[in-house]
PDB file of N, CA and C in Angstrom:
ATOM      1  N   MET A   1     -11.197  -0.572   2.195  1.00  0.00           N
ATOM      2  CA  MET A   1     -11.056   0.787   1.731  1.00  0.00           C
ATOM      3  C   MET A   1     -11.128   0.800   0.213  1.00  0.00           C
ATOM      4  N   ASN A   2     -11.792   1.742  -0.335  1.00  0.00           N
ATOM      5  CA  ASN A   2     -11.856   1.921  -1.774  1.00  0.00           C
ATOM      6  C   ASN A   2     -10.849   2.955  -2.211  1.00  0.00           C
ATOM      7  N   GLN A   3     -10.152   2.657  -3.310  1.00  0.00           N
ATOM      8  CA  GLN A   3      -9.241   3.649  -3.866  1.00  0.00           C
ATOM      9  C   GLN A   3     -10.073   4.593  -4.696  1.00  0.00           C
ATOM     10  N   GLU A   4     -10.002   5.894  -4.421  1.00  0.00           N
ATOM     11  CA  GLU A   4     -10.758   6.862  -5.187  1.00  0.00           C
ATOM     12  C   GLU A   4      -9.966   7.382  -6.365  1.00  0.00           C
ATOM     13  N   GLU A   5      -8.720   7.769  -6.141  1.00  0.00           N
ATOM     14  CA  GLU A   5      -7.918   8.299  -7.219  1.00  0.00           C
ATOM     15  C   GLU A   5      -6.454   8.060  -6.928  1.00  0.00           C
ATOM     16  N   LYS A   6      -5.678   8.007  -8.010  1.00  0.00           N
ATOM     17  CA  LYS A   6      -4.240   7.839  -7.873  1.00  0.00           C
ATOM     18  C   LYS A   6      -3.575   8.914  -8.727  1.00  0.00           C
ATOM     19  N   GLN A   7      -2.884   9.840  -8.112  1.00  0.00           N
ATOM     20  CA  GLN A   7      -2.183  10.889  -8.822  1.00  0.00           C
ATOM     21  C   GLN A   7      -0.730  10.812  -8.417  1.00  0.00           C
ATOM     22  N   ASP A   8       0.133  10.615  -9.415  1.00  0.00           N
ATOM     23  CA  ASP A   8       1.556  10.425  -9.165  1.00  0.00           C
ATOM     24  C   ASP A   8       1.721   9.309  -8.143  1.00  0.00           C
ATOM     25  N   ASN A   9       2.188   9.636  -6.952  1.00  0.00           N
ATOM     26  CA  ASN A   9       2.385   8.594  -5.948  1.00  0.00           C
ATOM     27  C   ASN A   9       1.431   8.750  -4.768  1.00  0.00           C
ATOM     28  N   LYS A  10       0.397   9.530  -4.907  1.00  0.00           N
ATOM     29  CA  LYS A  10      -0.553   9.773  -3.821  1.00  0.00           C
ATOM     30  C   LYS A  10      -1.903   9.142  -4.168  1.00  0.00           C
ATOM     31  N   ILE A  11      -2.458   8.408  -3.213  1.00  0.00           N
ATOM     32  CA  ILE A  11      -3.795   7.857  -3.407  1.00  0.00           C
ATOM     33  C   ILE A  11      -4.688   8.326  -2.268  1.00  0.00           C
ATOM     34  N   GLN A  12      -5.943   8.470  -2.587  1.00  0.00           N
ATOM     35  CA  GLN A  12      -6.923   8.854  -1.576  1.00  0.00           C
ATOM     36  C   GLN A  12      -7.841   7.670  -1.369  1.00  0.00           C
ATOM     37  N   MET A  13      -7.983   7.288  -0.117  1.00  0.00           N
ATOM     38  CA  MET A  13      -8.789   6.129   0.229  1.00  0.00           C
ATOM     39  C   MET A  13      -9.984   6.583   1.061  1.00  0.00           C
ATOM     40  N   MET A  14     -11.043   5.801   0.968  1.00  0.00           N
ATOM     41  CA  MET A  14     -12.220   6.035   1.800  1.00  0.00           C
ATOM     42  C   MET A  14     -12.319   4.894   2.800  1.00  0.00           C
ATOM     43  N   THR A  15     -12.402   5.236   4.069  1.00  0.00           N
ATOM     44  CA  THR A  15     -12.562   4.221   5.101  1.00  0.00           C
ATOM     45  C   THR A  15     -13.998   3.704   5.081  1.00  0.00           C
ATOM     46  N   ASP A  16     -14.242   2.644   5.806  1.00  0.00           N
ATOM     47  CA  ASP A  16     -15.594   2.091   5.887  1.00  0.00           C
ATOM     48  C   ASP A  16     -16.573   3.103   6.483  1.00  0.00           C
ATOM     49  N   SER A  17     -16.053   4.047   7.284  1.00  0.00           N
ATOM     50  CA  SER A  17     -16.919   5.058   7.895  1.00  0.00           C
ATOM     51  C   SER A  17     -17.085   6.290   7.016  1.00  0.00           C
ATOM     52  N   GLY A  18     -16.487   6.272   5.803  1.00  0.00           N
ATOM     53  CA  GLY A  18     -16.655   7.394   4.878  1.00  0.00           C
ATOM     54  C   GLY A  18     -15.611   8.483   5.010  1.00  0.00           C
ATOM     55  N   GLU A  19     -14.622   8.296   5.859  1.00  0.00           N
ATOM     56  CA  GLU A  19     -13.565   9.287   6.048  1.00  0.00           C
ATOM     57  C   GLU A  19     -12.524   9.141   4.938  1.00  0.00           C
ATOM     58  N   SER A  20     -12.025  10.267   4.427  1.00  0.00           N
ATOM     59  CA  SER A  20     -11.013  10.272   3.381  1.00  0.00           C
ATOM     60  C   SER A  20      -9.619  10.305   4.009  1.00  0.00           C
ATOM     61  N   VAL A  21      -8.730   9.417   3.527  1.00  0.00           N
ATOM     62  CA  VAL A  21      -7.373   9.332   4.059  1.00  0.00           C
ATOM     63  C   VAL A  21      -6.403   9.310   2.881  1.00  0.00           C
ATOM     64  N   ASP A  22      -5.340  10.124   2.963  1.00  0.00           N
ATOM     65  CA  ASP A  22      -4.325  10.150   1.915  1.00  0.00           C
ATOM     66  C   ASP A  22      -3.161   9.246   2.276  1.00  0.00           C
ATOM     67  N   PHE A  23      -2.682   8.487   1.293  1.00  0.00           N
ATOM     68  CA  PHE A  23      -1.487   7.668   1.433  1.00  0.00           C
ATOM     69  C   PHE A  23      -0.573   7.960   0.254  1.00  0.00           C
ATOM     70  N   TYR A  24       0.708   7.776   0.470  1.00  0.00           N
ATOM     71  CA  TYR A  24       1.711   7.992  -0.556  1.00  0.00           C
ATOM     72  C   TYR A  24       2.336   6.649  -0.898  1.00  0.00           C
ATOM     73  N   VAL A  25       2.282   6.270  -2.170  1.00  0.00           N
ATOM     74  CA  VAL A  25       2.766   4.966  -2.619  1.00  0.00           C
ATOM     75  C   VAL A  25       4.285   5.003  -2.748  1.00  0.00           C
ATOM     76  N   LEU A  26       4.945   4.118  -2.015  1.00  0.00           N
ATOM     77  CA  LEU A  26       6.394   3.989  -2.101  1.00  0.00           C
ATOM     78  C   LEU A  26       6.791   2.973  -3.167  1.00  0.00           C
ATOM     79  N   GLU A  27       6.006   1.900  -3.286  1.00  0.00           N
ATOM     80  CA  GLU A  27       6.321   0.828  -4.238  1.00  0.00           C
ATOM     81  C   GLU A  27       5.084  -0.025  -4.428  1.00  0.00           C
ATOM     82  N   GLU A  28       5.033  -0.717  -5.548  1.00  0.00           N
ATOM     83  CA  GLU A  28       3.967  -1.689  -5.778  1.00  0.00           C
ATOM     84  C   GLU A  28       4.571  -2.928  -6.409  1.00  0.00           C
ATOM     85  N   THR A  29       3.919  -4.060  -6.173  1.00  0.00           N
ATOM     86  CA  THR A  29       4.398  -5.320  -6.722  1.00  0.00           C
ATOM     87  C   THR A  29       3.224  -6.280  -6.873  1.00  0.00           C
ATOM     88  N   ARG A  30       3.478  -7.350  -7.616  1.00  0.00           N
ATOM     89  CA  ARG A  30       2.473  -8.396  -7.815  1.00  0.00           C
ATOM     90  C   ARG A  30       3.108  -9.714  -7.396  1.00  0.00           C
ATOM     91  N   ILE A  31       2.455 -10.414  -6.485  1.00  0.00           N
ATOM     92  CA  ILE A  31       2.943 -11.692  -5.973  1.00  0.00           C
ATOM     93  C   ILE A  31       1.788 -12.690  -6.014  1.00  0.00           C
ATOM     94  N   ASN A  32       2.018 -13.833  -6.634  1.00  0.00           N
ATOM     95  CA  ASN A  32       0.992 -14.886  -6.715  1.00  0.00           C
ATOM     96  C   ASN A  32      -0.356 -14.341  -7.154  1.00  0.00           C
ATOM     97  N   ALA A  33      -0.371 -13.561  -8.229  1.00  0.00           N
ATOM     98  CA  ALA A  33      -1.588 -12.999  -8.834  1.00  0.00           C
ATOM     99  C   ALA A  33      -2.302 -11.980  -7.951  1.00  0.00           C
ATOM    100  N   ALA A  34      -1.627 -11.460  -6.940  1.00  0.00           N
ATOM    101  CA  ALA A  34      -2.215 -10.427  -6.077  1.00  0.00           C
ATOM    102  C   ALA A  34      -1.362  -9.161  -6.155  1.00  0.00           C
ATOM    103  N   ASN A  35      -2.027  -8.006  -6.236  1.00  0.00           N
ATOM    104  CA  ASN A  35      -1.338  -6.723  -6.268  1.00  0.00           C
ATOM    105  C   ASN A  35      -1.203  -6.164  -4.853  1.00  0.00           C
ATOM    106  N   TYR A  36       0.002  -5.675  -4.548  1.00  0.00           N
ATOM    107  CA  TYR A  36       0.281  -5.097  -3.237  1.00  0.00           C
ATOM    108  C   TYR A  36       0.855  -3.701  -3.404  1.00  0.00           C
ATOM    109  N   LEU A  37       0.521  -2.820  -2.473  1.00  0.00           N
ATOM    110  CA  LEU A  37       1.090  -1.481  -2.412  1.00  0.00           C
ATOM    111  C   LEU A  37       1.777  -1.294  -1.066  1.00  0.00           C
ATOM    112  N   LEU A  38       2.969  -0.705  -1.098  1.00  0.00           N
ATOM    113  CA  LEU A  38       3.624  -0.256   0.124  1.00  0.00           C
ATOM    114  C   LEU A  38       3.369   1.235   0.187  1.00  0.00           C
ATOM    115  N   VAL A  39       2.643   1.674   1.200  1.00  0.00           N
ATOM    116  CA  VAL A  39       2.255   3.075   1.314  1.00  0.00           C
ATOM    117  C   VAL A  39       2.705   3.644   2.653  1.00  0.00           C
ATOM    118  N   THR A  40       2.757   4.965   2.700  1.00  0.00           N
ATOM    119  CA  THR A  40       3.056   5.668   3.940  1.00  0.00           C
ATOM    120  C   THR A  40       2.021   6.764   4.124  1.00  0.00           C
ATOM    121  N   ASP A  41       1.879   7.201   5.362  1.00  0.00           N
ATOM    122  CA  ASP A  41       0.909   8.254   5.661  1.00  0.00           C
ATOM    123  C   ASP A  41       1.544   9.645   5.652  1.00  0.00           C
ATOM    124  N   ALA A  42       2.814   9.754   5.225  1.00  0.00           N
ATOM    125  CA  ALA A  42       3.526  11.033   5.235  1.00  0.00           C
ATOM    126  C   ALA A  42       4.116  11.312   3.857  1.00  0.00           C
ATOM    127  N   PRO A  43       4.189  12.589   3.476  1.00  0.00           N
ATOM    128  CA  PRO A  43       4.834  12.939   2.210  1.00  0.00           C
ATOM    129  C   PRO A  43       6.296  12.495   2.182  1.00  0.00           C
ATOM    130  N   GLU A  44       6.883  12.507   1.004  1.00  0.00           N
ATOM    131  CA  GLU A  44       8.228  11.971   0.781  1.00  0.00           C
ATOM    132  C   GLU A  44       9.298  12.529   1.715  1.00  0.00           C
ATOM    133  N   ASP A  45       9.225  13.784   2.069  1.00  0.00           N
ATOM    134  CA  ASP A  45      10.272  14.411   2.882  1.00  0.00           C
ATOM    135  C   ASP A  45      10.026  14.317   4.391  1.00  0.00           C
ATOM    136  N   GLU A  46       9.051  13.517   4.798  1.00  0.00           N
ATOM    137  CA  GLU A  46       8.726  13.376   6.215  1.00  0.00           C
ATOM    138  C   GLU A  46       8.750  11.904   6.628  1.00  0.00           C
ATOM    139  N   ASP A  47       8.964  11.656   7.922  1.00  0.00           N
ATOM    140  CA  ASP A  47       8.875  10.299   8.451  1.00  0.00           C
ATOM    141  C   ASP A  47       7.413   9.942   8.649  1.00  0.00           C
ATOM    142  N   GLY A  48       7.086   8.688   8.406  1.00  0.00           N
ATOM    143  CA  GLY A  48       5.708   8.255   8.588  1.00  0.00           C
ATOM    144  C   GLY A  48       5.634   6.763   8.823  1.00  0.00           C
ATOM    145  N   GLU A  49       4.441   6.304   9.057  1.00  0.00           N
ATOM    146  CA  GLU A  49       4.176   4.878   9.227  1.00  0.00           C
ATOM    147  C   GLU A  49       3.967   4.256   7.855  1.00  0.00           C
ATOM    148  N   CYS A  50       4.472   3.033   7.671  1.00  0.00           N
ATOM    149  CA  CYS A  50       4.264   2.292   6.425  1.00  0.00           C
ATOM    150  C   CYS A  50       3.188   1.237   6.628  1.00  0.00           C
ATOM    151  N   TYR A  51       2.463   0.985   5.560  1.00  0.00           N
ATOM    152  CA  TYR A  51       1.418  -0.030   5.567  1.00  0.00           C
ATOM    153  C   TYR A  51       1.500  -0.810   4.265  1.00  0.00           C
ATOM    154  N   ILE A  52       1.081  -2.053   4.298  1.00  0.00           N
ATOM    155  CA  ILE A  52       0.987  -2.848   3.083  1.00  0.00           C
ATOM    156  C   ILE A  52      -0.486  -3.082   2.812  1.00  0.00           C
ATOM    157  N   LEU A  53      -0.894  -2.699   1.606  1.00  0.00           N
ATOM    158  CA  LEU A  53      -2.272  -2.870   1.175  1.00  0.00           C
ATOM    159  C   LEU A  53      -2.318  -3.930   0.092  1.00  0.00           C
ATOM    160  N   LYS A  54      -3.401  -4.701   0.082  1.00  0.00           N
ATOM    161  CA  LYS A  54      -3.596  -5.755  -0.913  1.00  0.00           C
ATOM    162  C   LYS A  54      -4.871  -5.462  -1.694  1.00  0.00           C
ATOM    163  N   ASP A  55      -4.795  -5.617  -2.998  1.00  0.00           N
ATOM    164  CA  ASP A  55      -5.973  -5.437  -3.842  1.00  0.00           C
ATOM    165  C   ASP A  55      -6.909  -6.616  -3.606  1.00  0.00           C
ATOM    166  N   VAL A  56      -8.056  -6.343  -3.018  1.00  0.00           N
ATOM    167  CA  VAL A  56      -9.029  -7.392  -2.700  1.00  0.00           C
ATOM    168  C   VAL A  56     -10.297  -7.271  -3.552  1.00  0.00           C
ATOM    169  N   SER A  57     -10.214  -6.461  -4.621  1.00  0.00           N
ATOM    170  CA  SER A  57     -11.390  -6.243  -5.462  1.00  0.00           C
ATOM    171  C   SER A  57     -11.708  -7.479  -6.288  1.00  0.00           C
ATOM    172  N   LYS A  58     -12.960  -7.586  -6.628  1.00  0.00           N
ATOM    173  CA  LYS A  58     -13.434  -8.669  -7.480  1.00  0.00           C
ATOM    174  C   LYS A  58     -13.295  -8.215  -8.941  1.00  0.00           C
ATOM    175  N   PRO A  59     -13.146  -9.160  -9.871  1.00  0.00           N
ATOM    176  CA  PRO A  59     -12.952  -8.795 -11.282  1.00  0.00           C
ATOM    177  C   PRO A  59     -14.042  -7.878 -11.844  1.00  0.00           C
ATOM    178  N   GLU A  60     -15.254  -8.003 -11.348  1.00  0.00           N
ATOM    179  CA  GLU A  60     -16.347  -7.189 -11.887  1.00  0.00           C
ATOM    180  C   GLU A  60     -16.419  -5.771 -11.289  1.00  0.00           C
ATOM    181  N   GLU A  61     -15.617  -5.486 -10.278  1.00  0.00           N
ATOM    182  CA  GLU A  61     -15.630  -4.158  -9.661  1.00  0.00           C
ATOM    183  C   GLU A  61     -14.856  -3.164 -10.529  1.00  0.00           C
ATOM    184  N   PRO A  62     -15.463  -1.996 -10.791  1.00  0.00           N
ATOM    185  CA  PRO A  62     -14.822  -1.017 -11.684  1.00  0.00           C
ATOM    186  C   PRO A  62     -13.598  -0.326 -11.077  1.00  0.00           C
ATOM    187  N   GLU A  63     -13.520  -0.237  -9.759  1.00  0.00           N
ATOM    188  CA  GLU A  63     -12.397   0.412  -9.093  1.00  0.00           C
ATOM    189  C   GLU A  63     -11.708  -0.576  -8.171  1.00  0.00           C
ATOM    190  N   ALA A  64     -10.412  -0.358  -7.979  1.00  0.00           N
ATOM    191  CA  ALA A  64      -9.653  -1.218  -7.074  1.00  0.00           C
ATOM    192  C   ALA A  64     -10.122  -1.013  -5.639  1.00  0.00           C
ATOM    193  N   VAL A  65     -10.173  -2.095  -4.905  1.00  0.00           N
ATOM    194  CA  VAL A  65     -10.513  -2.065  -3.489  1.00  0.00           C
ATOM    195  C   VAL A  65      -9.315  -2.655  -2.748  1.00  0.00           C
ATOM    196  N   TYR A  66      -8.729  -1.863  -1.857  1.00  0.00           N
ATOM    197  CA  TYR A  66      -7.554  -2.309  -1.112  1.00  0.00           C
ATOM    198  C   TYR A  66      -7.909  -2.500   0.351  1.00  0.00           C
ATOM    199  N   GLY A  67      -7.248  -3.481   0.948  1.00  0.00           N
ATOM    200  CA  GLY A  67      -7.399  -3.727   2.373  1.00  0.00           C
ATOM    201  C   GLY A  67      -6.026  -3.882   2.995  1.00  0.00           C
ATOM    202  N   PHE A  68      -5.929  -3.591   4.274  1.00  0.00           N
ATOM    203  CA  PHE A  68      -4.674  -3.745   4.990  1.00  0.00           C
ATOM    204  C   PHE A  68      -4.353  -5.228   5.138  1.00  0.00           C
ATOM    205  N   VAL A  69      -3.087  -5.586   4.948  1.00  0.00           N
ATOM    206  CA  VAL A  69      -2.659  -6.963   5.149  1.00  0.00           C
ATOM    207  C   VAL A  69      -2.504  -7.166   6.653  1.00  0.00           C
ATOM    208  N   ASP A  70      -3.304  -8.073   7.214  1.00  0.00           N
ATOM    209  CA  ASP A  70      -3.301  -8.327   8.653  1.00  0.00           C
ATOM    210  C   ASP A  70      -2.597  -9.626   9.027  1.00  0.00           C
ATOM    211  N   ASP A  71      -2.587 -10.586   8.112  1.00  0.00           N
ATOM    212  CA  ASP A  71      -1.981 -11.887   8.380  1.00  0.00           C
ATOM    213  C   ASP A  71      -0.473 -11.708   8.552  1.00  0.00           C
ATOM    214  N   GLU A  72       0.046 -12.085   9.707  1.00  0.00           N
ATOM    215  CA  GLU A  72       1.457 -11.861  10.055  1.00  0.00           C
ATOM    216  C   GLU A  72       2.409 -12.541   9.075  1.00  0.00           C
ATOM    217  N   GLU A  73       2.114 -13.756   8.681  1.00  0.00           N
ATOM    218  CA  GLU A  73       2.980 -14.487   7.750  1.00  0.00           C
ATOM    219  C   GLU A  73       3.009 -13.815   6.374  1.00  0.00           C
ATOM    220  N   GLU A  74       1.831 -13.444   5.868  1.00  0.00           N
ATOM    221  CA  GLU A  74       1.744 -12.758   4.578  1.00  0.00           C
ATOM    222  C   GLU A  74       2.426 -11.395   4.657  1.00  0.00           C
ATOM    223  N   LEU A  75       2.198 -10.683   5.746  1.00  0.00           N
ATOM    224  CA  LEU A  75       2.794  -9.364   5.943  1.00  0.00           C
ATOM    225  C   LEU A  75       4.320  -9.438   5.908  1.00  0.00           C
ATOM    226  N   ASN A  76       4.897 -10.384   6.632  1.00  0.00           N
ATOM    227  CA  ASN A  76       6.354 -10.529   6.663  1.00  0.00           C
ATOM    228  C   ASN A  76       6.913 -10.906   5.297  1.00  0.00           C
ATOM    229  N   ALA A  77       6.244 -11.794   4.589  1.00  0.00           N
ATOM    230  CA  ALA A  77       6.713 -12.221   3.271  1.00  0.00           C
ATOM    231  C   ALA A  77       6.682 -11.069   2.267  1.00  0.00           C
ATOM    232  N   VAL A  78       5.591 -10.330   2.239  1.00  0.00           N
ATOM    233  CA  VAL A  78       5.460  -9.209   1.299  1.00  0.00           C
ATOM    234  C   VAL A  78       6.406  -8.078   1.694  1.00  0.00           C
ATOM    235  N   PHE A  79       6.556  -7.826   2.978  1.00  0.00           N
ATOM    236  CA  PHE A  79       7.472  -6.788   3.441  1.00  0.00           C
ATOM    237  C   PHE A  79       8.905  -7.092   3.005  1.00  0.00           C
ATOM    238  N   SER A  80       9.298  -8.368   3.067  1.00  0.00           N
ATOM    239  CA  SER A  80      10.639  -8.773   2.623  1.00  0.00           C
ATOM    240  C   SER A  80      10.848  -8.471   1.141  1.00  0.00           C
ATOM    241  N   VAL A  81       9.815  -8.699   0.338  1.00  0.00           N
ATOM    242  CA  VAL A  81       9.900  -8.379  -1.087  1.00  0.00           C
ATOM    243  C   VAL A  81      10.075  -6.874  -1.281  1.00  0.00           C
ATOM    244  N   PHE A  82       9.294  -6.079  -0.564  1.00  0.00           N
ATOM    245  CA  PHE A  82       9.424  -4.623  -0.684  1.00  0.00           C
ATOM    246  C   PHE A  82      10.805  -4.144  -0.221  1.00  0.00           C
ATOM    247  N   GLU A  83      11.337  -4.745   0.835  1.00  0.00           N
ATOM    248  CA  GLU A  83      12.689  -4.367   1.288  1.00  0.00           C
ATOM    249  C   GLU A  83      13.709  -4.599   0.185  1.00  0.00           C
ATOM    250  N   ARG A  84      13.613  -5.728  -0.504  1.00  0.00           N
ATOM    251  CA  ARG A  84      14.544  -6.019  -1.608  1.00  0.00           C
ATOM    252  C   ARG A  84      14.343  -5.043  -2.762  1.00  0.00           C
ATOM    253  N   LEU A  85      13.099  -4.735  -3.078  1.00  0.00           N
ATOM    254  CA  LEU A  85      12.814  -3.810  -4.178  1.00  0.00           C
ATOM    255  C   LEU A  85      13.359  -2.408  -3.900  1.00  0.00           C
ATOM    256  N   LEU A  86      13.403  -2.038  -2.633  1.00  0.00           N
ATOM    257  CA  LEU A  86      13.816  -0.675  -2.264  1.00  0.00           C
ATOM    258  C   LEU A  86      15.236  -0.614  -1.700  1.00  0.00           C
ATOM    259  N   GLU A  87      16.031  -1.653  -1.926  1.00  0.00           N
ATOM    260  CA  GLU A  87      17.393  -1.674  -1.397  1.00  0.00           C
ATOM    261  C   GLU A  87      18.208  -0.453  -1.818  1.00  0.00           C
ATOM    262  N   ASP A  88      18.071  -0.042  -3.066  1.00  0.00           N
ATOM    263  CA  ASP A  88      18.856   1.075  -3.578  1.00  0.00           C
ATOM    264  C   ASP A  88      18.187   2.429  -3.381  1.00  0.00           C
ATOM    265  N   ALA A  89      16.983   2.453  -2.879  1.00  0.00           N
ATOM    266  CA  ALA A  89      16.271   3.708  -2.649  1.00  0.00           C
ATOM    267  C   ALA A  89      16.679   4.313  -1.322  1.00  0.00           C
ATOM    268  N   ASP A  90      16.401   5.573  -1.162  1.00  0.00           N
ATOM    269  CA  ASP A  90      16.736   6.285   0.064  1.00  0.00           C
ATOM    270  C   ASP A  90      15.586   6.154   1.065  1.00  0.00           C
ATOM    271  N   VAL A  91      15.304   4.898   1.449  1.00  0.00           N
ATOM    272  CA  VAL A  91      14.204   4.606   2.361  1.00  0.00           C
ATOM    273  C   VAL A  91      14.741   3.744   3.501  1.00  0.00           C
ATOM    274  N   GLU A  92      14.422   4.130   4.733  1.00  0.00           N
ATOM    275  CA  GLU A  92      14.822   3.341   5.895  1.00  0.00           C
ATOM    276  C   GLU A  92      13.582   2.758   6.555  1.00  0.00           C
ATOM    277  N   PHE A  93      13.663   1.468   6.898  1.00  0.00           N
ATOM    278  CA  PHE A  93      12.538   0.789   7.539  1.00  0.00           C
ATOM    279  C   PHE A  93      12.906   0.432   8.970  1.00  0.00           C
ATOM    280  N   GLU A  94      11.941   0.601   9.869  1.00  0.00           N
ATOM    281  CA  GLU A  94      12.057   0.116  11.239  1.00  0.00           C
ATOM    282  C   GLU A  94      10.841  -0.737  11.493  1.00  0.00           C
ATOM    283  N   ARG A  95      11.063  -1.911  12.048  1.00  0.00           N
ATOM    284  CA  ARG A  95       9.931  -2.797  12.336  1.00  0.00           C
ATOM    285  C   ARG A  95       9.431  -2.555  13.738  1.00  0.00           C
TER     286      ARG A  95
END
């Protein structure tokens, strides 16, 4: 997915099929030289699904390219970091 724009905490992504999808950024972090975003598909005052996106763009690409983290081990490790980062926030996670 390509990131088209980032305004406040909302990003608009384009799927491989050209469909536009909005996500709301809850947190971002950098681990081992990789950028990760914790996003949800619902606005702040609603319940939604959370996803972890990883910046997979190449240095020469002008815009960030994010992909869903699919590897279970990487997903669990990054999710644990986000849980710690959001300990004091008013966010509840269910696995």
